[in-house]
Protein backbone atom coordinates (compact mmCIF):
# COMPACT_ATOMS: atom_id res chain seq x y z
CA UNK A 1 -62.08 199.81 104.43
CA UNK A 2 -61.86 203.24 102.81
CA UNK A 3 -58.86 202.23 100.69
CA UNK A 4 -60.35 198.82 99.87
CA UNK A 5 -63.64 200.36 98.77
CA UNK A 6 -61.85 202.94 96.65
CA UNK A 7 -59.83 200.22 94.92
CA UNK A 8 -62.96 198.13 94.32
CA UNK A 9 -64.76 201.10 92.76
CA UNK A 10 -61.77 201.81 90.53
CA UNK A 11 -61.59 198.19 89.36
CA UNK A 12 -65.34 198.17 88.77
CA UNK A 13 -65.04 201.14 86.41
CA UNK A 14 -61.92 199.81 84.65
CA UNK A 15 -63.00 198.21 81.37
CA UNK A 16 -59.81 196.16 81.34
CA UNK A 17 -60.78 194.33 84.54
CA UNK A 18 -63.16 191.38 84.34
CA UNK A 19 -62.99 190.08 87.91
CA UNK A 20 -61.33 191.00 91.20
CA UNK A 21 -59.22 188.89 93.58
CA UNK A 22 -59.05 189.90 97.24
CA UNK A 23 -56.45 188.33 99.52
CA UNK A 24 -54.42 189.02 102.65
CA UNK A 25 -51.29 187.55 104.17
CA UNK A 26 -50.49 183.90 104.82
CA UNK A 27 -51.21 184.44 108.52
CA UNK A 28 -54.53 186.27 108.18
CA UNK A 29 -56.98 187.22 105.45
CA UNK A 30 -58.03 190.35 107.35
CA UNK A 31 -57.63 191.43 110.94
CA UNK A 32 -61.16 192.74 111.42
CA UNK A 33 -61.97 195.69 113.65
CA UNK A 34 -59.53 197.25 116.12
CA UNK A 35 -60.78 195.97 119.49
CA UNK A 36 -58.64 198.39 121.51
CA UNK A 37 -60.09 201.31 119.57
CA UNK A 38 -63.63 200.01 119.98
CA UNK A 39 -63.39 199.21 123.68
CA UNK A 40 -64.07 202.74 124.96
CA UNK A 41 -66.65 203.75 122.36
CA UNK A 42 -70.18 204.63 123.44
CA UNK A 43 -73.48 204.02 121.69
CA UNK A 44 -73.90 207.69 120.64
CA UNK A 45 -70.42 207.58 119.08
CA UNK A 46 -71.00 204.35 117.17
CA UNK A 47 -74.42 205.51 115.96
CA UNK A 48 -73.60 209.07 114.91
CA UNK A 49 -70.33 208.02 113.26
CA UNK A 50 -72.18 205.28 111.35
CA UNK A 51 -69.68 202.71 112.56
CA UNK A 52 -69.24 199.90 109.98
CA UNK A 53 -71.52 201.81 107.60
CA UNK A 54 -69.12 201.47 104.67
CA UNK A 55 -68.38 197.77 105.16
CA UNK A 56 -71.03 196.66 102.67
CA UNK A 57 -69.70 198.82 99.83
CA UNK A 58 -67.73 195.88 98.42
CA UNK A 59 -71.00 194.09 97.68
CA UNK A 60 -72.02 196.89 95.31
CA UNK A 61 -69.43 196.01 92.68
CA UNK A 62 -70.88 194.59 89.49
CA UNK A 63 -67.77 192.55 88.77
CA UNK A 64 -67.27 189.25 90.61
CA UNK A 65 -64.96 189.33 93.63
CA UNK A 66 -63.01 186.17 94.50
CA UNK A 67 -61.68 185.94 98.06
CA UNK A 68 -58.46 183.97 98.56
CA UNK A 69 -58.36 183.23 102.29
CA UNK A 70 -55.18 182.06 104.00
CA UNK A 71 -54.84 181.97 107.77
CA UNK A 72 -57.41 183.58 110.04
CA UNK A 73 -60.67 185.08 108.80
CA UNK A 74 -62.36 185.88 112.10
CA UNK A 75 -64.92 188.50 113.01
CA UNK A 76 -64.71 191.30 110.46
CA UNK A 77 -62.33 189.18 108.41
CA UNK A 78 -64.95 186.47 108.03
CA UNK A 79 -67.60 189.08 107.25
CA UNK A 80 -65.36 190.62 104.59
CA UNK A 81 -64.80 187.22 102.98
CA UNK A 82 -68.56 186.61 102.90
CA UNK A 83 -69.08 189.91 101.09
CA UNK A 84 -67.13 188.42 98.18
CA UNK A 85 -68.86 186.33 95.51
CA UNK A 86 -66.65 183.24 95.73
CA UNK A 87 -64.46 182.18 98.66
CA UNK A 88 -61.41 179.98 98.07
CA UNK A 89 -59.44 178.87 101.12
CA UNK A 90 -55.97 177.64 101.93
CA UNK A 91 -55.79 174.41 103.91
CA UNK A 92 -54.83 176.29 107.07
CA UNK A 93 -57.62 178.87 106.92
CA UNK A 94 -59.85 179.39 109.95
CA UNK A 95 -63.26 181.05 109.83
CA UNK A 96 -65.40 182.28 112.69
CA UNK A 97 -67.47 184.99 114.35
CA UNK A 98 -65.99 185.23 117.88
CA UNK A 99 -67.67 188.53 118.83
CA UNK A 100 -69.84 186.89 121.50
CA UNK A 101 -66.72 186.56 123.66
CA UNK A 102 -66.36 190.35 123.63
CA UNK A 103 -69.90 190.97 124.80
CA UNK A 104 -71.11 191.97 121.33
CA UNK A 105 -72.40 190.31 118.16
CA UNK A 106 -71.23 190.51 114.53
CA UNK A 107 -72.00 193.96 113.15
CA UNK A 108 -71.00 193.90 109.48
CA UNK A 109 -73.38 191.24 108.20
CA UNK A 110 -72.00 188.17 109.96
CA UNK A 111 -75.30 186.91 111.37
CA UNK A 112 -77.08 187.43 108.06
CA UNK A 113 -74.57 186.23 105.49
CA UNK A 114 -73.36 183.29 107.56
CA UNK A 115 -76.92 182.00 107.96
CA UNK A 116 -77.48 182.26 104.22
CA UNK A 117 -74.20 180.47 103.53
CA UNK A 118 -74.33 177.57 105.99
CA UNK A 119 -77.89 177.46 107.32
CA UNK A 120 -79.44 178.55 110.61
CA UNK A 121 -78.18 175.80 112.90
CA UNK A 122 -74.50 176.06 111.91
CA UNK A 123 -74.64 179.85 111.89
CA UNK A 124 -76.15 179.83 115.38
CA UNK A 125 -73.42 177.49 116.60
CA UNK A 126 -70.63 179.68 115.27
CA UNK A 127 -72.13 182.98 116.43
CA UNK A 128 -73.24 181.75 119.87
CA UNK A 129 -70.10 179.79 120.76
CA UNK A 130 -67.47 181.84 118.92
CA UNK A 131 -66.03 178.58 117.56
CA UNK A 132 -63.69 178.49 114.57
CA UNK A 133 -64.13 176.20 111.58
CA UNK A 134 -61.32 174.79 109.47
CA UNK A 135 -61.08 175.16 105.72
CA UNK A 136 -62.27 171.58 105.22
CA UNK A 137 -65.31 172.09 107.46
CA UNK A 138 -66.05 175.40 105.73
CA UNK A 139 -65.99 173.51 102.43
CA UNK A 140 -68.35 170.83 103.73
CA UNK A 141 -70.88 173.33 105.01
CA UNK A 142 -70.81 175.48 101.88
CA UNK A 143 -69.01 178.54 103.19
CA UNK A 144 -66.13 178.12 100.72
CA UNK A 145 -66.10 176.82 97.15
CA UNK A 146 -62.67 175.13 97.04
CA UNK A 147 -59.64 174.45 99.25
CA UNK A 148 -56.03 174.58 98.04
CA UNK A 149 -52.55 174.31 99.48
CA UNK A 150 -51.52 177.75 100.79
CA UNK A 151 -48.80 178.27 98.18
CA UNK A 152 -51.27 177.50 95.38
CA UNK A 153 -54.22 179.51 96.67
CA UNK A 154 -53.63 182.92 95.13
CA UNK A 155 -52.60 181.45 91.77
CA UNK A 156 -55.79 179.38 91.71
CA UNK A 157 -57.87 182.42 92.64
CA UNK A 158 -56.28 184.44 89.84
CA UNK A 159 -56.85 181.54 87.45
CA UNK A 160 -60.54 181.43 88.36
CA UNK A 161 -60.89 185.21 88.03
CA UNK A 162 -59.11 185.08 84.67
CA UNK A 163 -61.55 182.47 83.42
CA UNK A 164 -64.52 184.58 84.52
CA UNK A 165 -62.95 187.56 82.76
CA UNK A 166 -63.04 185.73 79.42
CA UNK A 167 -66.83 185.81 79.37
CA UNK A 168 -69.15 188.64 78.36
CA UNK A 169 -69.16 191.34 81.06
CA UNK A 170 -72.90 192.05 80.71
CA UNK A 171 -73.71 188.35 81.12
CA UNK A 172 -71.36 188.00 84.10
CA UNK A 173 -72.82 191.07 85.82
CA UNK A 174 -76.39 189.90 85.26
CA UNK A 175 -75.56 186.41 86.48
CA UNK A 176 -74.09 187.89 89.68
CA UNK A 177 -77.16 190.10 90.12
CA UNK A 178 -79.55 187.18 89.71
CA UNK A 179 -77.74 184.88 92.14
CA UNK A 180 -77.40 187.60 94.78
CA UNK A 181 -81.07 188.53 94.43
CA UNK A 182 -82.02 185.02 95.55
CA UNK A 183 -81.21 186.07 99.13
CA UNK A 184 -83.78 188.87 99.09
CA UNK A 185 -86.57 187.67 96.79
CA UNK A 186 -89.13 184.91 96.95
CA UNK A 187 -88.65 182.04 94.51
CA UNK A 188 -91.33 183.41 92.18
CA UNK A 189 -89.86 186.92 92.27
CA UNK A 190 -86.35 185.58 91.75
CA UNK A 191 -87.39 183.51 88.74
CA UNK A 192 -89.10 186.56 87.22
CA UNK A 193 -85.94 188.63 87.68
CA UNK A 194 -83.82 185.84 86.20
CA UNK A 195 -86.11 185.61 83.18
CA UNK A 196 -85.98 189.37 82.57
CA UNK A 197 -82.20 189.37 82.75
CA UNK A 198 -82.00 186.28 80.53
CA UNK A 199 -84.22 187.84 77.87
CA UNK A 200 -82.41 191.19 78.02
CA UNK A 201 -79.15 189.51 77.01
CA UNK A 202 -80.70 188.71 73.64
CA UNK A 203 -80.31 192.43 72.91
CA UNK A 204 -76.51 192.14 73.14
CA UNK A 205 -73.88 191.47 70.51
CA UNK A 206 -72.22 188.94 72.80
CA UNK A 207 -75.29 186.70 72.85
CA UNK A 208 -75.23 186.55 69.05
CA UNK A 209 -71.47 185.94 69.05
CA UNK A 210 -71.60 183.28 71.77
CA UNK A 211 -74.30 181.25 70.06
CA UNK A 212 -72.73 181.66 66.62
CA UNK A 213 -69.41 180.42 68.00
CA UNK A 214 -71.14 177.40 69.53
CA UNK A 215 -72.74 176.50 66.21
CA UNK A 216 -69.49 177.03 64.33
CA UNK A 217 -67.45 175.06 66.91
CA UNK A 218 -65.04 177.91 67.67
CA UNK A 219 -64.16 180.06 70.65
CA UNK A 220 -66.30 183.19 70.98
CA UNK A 221 -64.84 186.68 70.81
CA UNK A 222 -66.83 188.77 73.26
CA UNK A 223 -66.76 192.58 73.06
CA UNK A 224 -68.82 193.24 76.20
CA UNK A 225 -71.71 194.79 74.31
């Protein structure tokens, strides 16, 4: 996670990057935690070492992160995918939180993000039984946005990220902030935040350019200011 977080921070600061694509191999999106390494750890060790403490760093990026999931995304792999803003899956992808079979529970946000993604009942089923869900079922329950053939997945993820990157970076960042805030705020608080962000964009050049381009029936040229 240290290398992944460092790369995400670098991309976030790079003005030439508009969106990030995260993917793994065809067999697995991410392997998750090392069970052999964890097996002999004690509570004092896990607590004082802040085990999994840096796993949420990916969620701090202001730029959208698109996950392209082929193969297995189980345990920490599923949690990592859910830290991304959009999940795209290959037809053979499998998602799940099997930690219950190890005598533990998800520890990097699995119980919280899964419930927000698919609802309490489905999240309970997956966390309490350790069952896997296919890409198609993940699509039906709202965990993933789209499903593609494995050999098309990464290209489609890059295509989506490239489209996002054509828009104004301030607007994209504020849109991401508003949507993510819906998990933590009441409806009234969320609407107030959305309105403040909406109004603040009228102080940008890109708002003027975007609306002028619409009126003039041309493509906008955003400068991210």
